[in-house]
Amino acid sequence: MDSNSPNPTPPPTSKGRRWLQRLGWAGFMFFLIKGLVWLAVFYGLGRMVGLD
C-alpha cells in the first residue's frame, strides 16, 4: 500500500492499548469510580468491626 492511499493502515498497537481505546474515557471513569467505591466499602466494614 502506498502512502497516498485514502485509508492507510494504522500503525500496529499493543492489545492492551487497543482495548483501552475501545473502552474510552467513560469506561475508564466507570471502573475507577467503581474501584474507589469498593475501597470505601471495605474501609467502612473494617472500621465497623474495629480493625481501625
Protein backbone atom coordinates (compact mmCIF):
# COMPACT_ATOMS: atom_id res chain seq x y z
CA MET A 1 0.00 0.00 0.00
CA ASP A 2 1.46 3.39 -0.88
CA SER A 3 1.41 6.40 1.44
CA ASN A 4 -1.03 8.28 -0.83
CA SER A 5 -3.88 5.83 -0.37
CA PRO A 6 -7.04 7.30 1.22
CA ASN A 7 -7.20 4.72 4.05
CA PRO A 8 -3.70 3.84 5.20
CA THR A 9 -3.48 1.09 7.75
CA PRO A 10 -2.87 2.39 11.26
CA PRO A 11 0.40 1.55 12.95
CA PRO A 12 0.31 -1.66 14.99
CA THR A 13 -0.65 -1.16 18.62
CA SER A 14 -0.48 -3.43 21.60
CA LYS A 15 -3.50 -5.49 22.60
CA GLY A 16 -3.94 -3.56 25.85
CA ARG A 17 -3.80 -0.18 24.14
CA ARG A 18 -6.44 -1.23 21.59
CA TRP A 19 -8.66 -2.43 24.45
CA LEU A 20 -8.30 0.89 26.27
CA GLN A 21 -9.08 2.85 23.12
CA ARG A 22 -12.27 0.85 22.63
CA LEU A 23 -13.21 1.25 26.27
CA GLY A 24 -12.82 5.02 26.18
CA TRP A 25 -12.82 7.55 28.94
CA ALA A 26 -16.37 6.78 30.07
CA GLY A 27 -15.46 3.16 30.71
CA PHE A 28 -12.23 4.16 32.43
CA MET A 29 -14.07 6.55 34.76
CA PHE A 30 -16.76 3.95 35.48
CA PHE A 31 -14.22 1.36 36.60
CA LEU A 32 -12.16 3.93 38.52
CA ILE A 33 -15.19 5.10 40.48
CA LYS A 34 -16.38 1.53 40.98
CA GLY A 35 -12.98 0.59 42.40
CA LEU A 36 -12.93 3.59 44.72
CA VAL A 37 -16.43 2.76 45.96
CA TRP A 38 -15.34 -0.80 46.78
CA LEU A 39 -12.31 0.52 48.66
CA ALA A 40 -14.61 2.79 50.68
CA VAL A 41 -16.97 -0.12 51.39
CA PHE A 42 -14.17 -2.34 52.69
CA TYR A 43 -12.71 0.55 54.70
CA GLY A 44 -16.11 1.19 56.29
CA LEU A 45 -16.61 -2.51 57.06
CA GLY A 46 -13.17 -2.64 58.62
CA ARG A 47 -13.97 0.32 60.85
CA MET A 48 -17.32 -1.21 61.81
CA VAL A 49 -15.72 -4.42 63.07
CA GLY A 50 -12.97 -2.48 64.87
CA LEU A 51 -9.98 -3.09 62.61
CA ASP A 52 -9.01 0.59 62.87
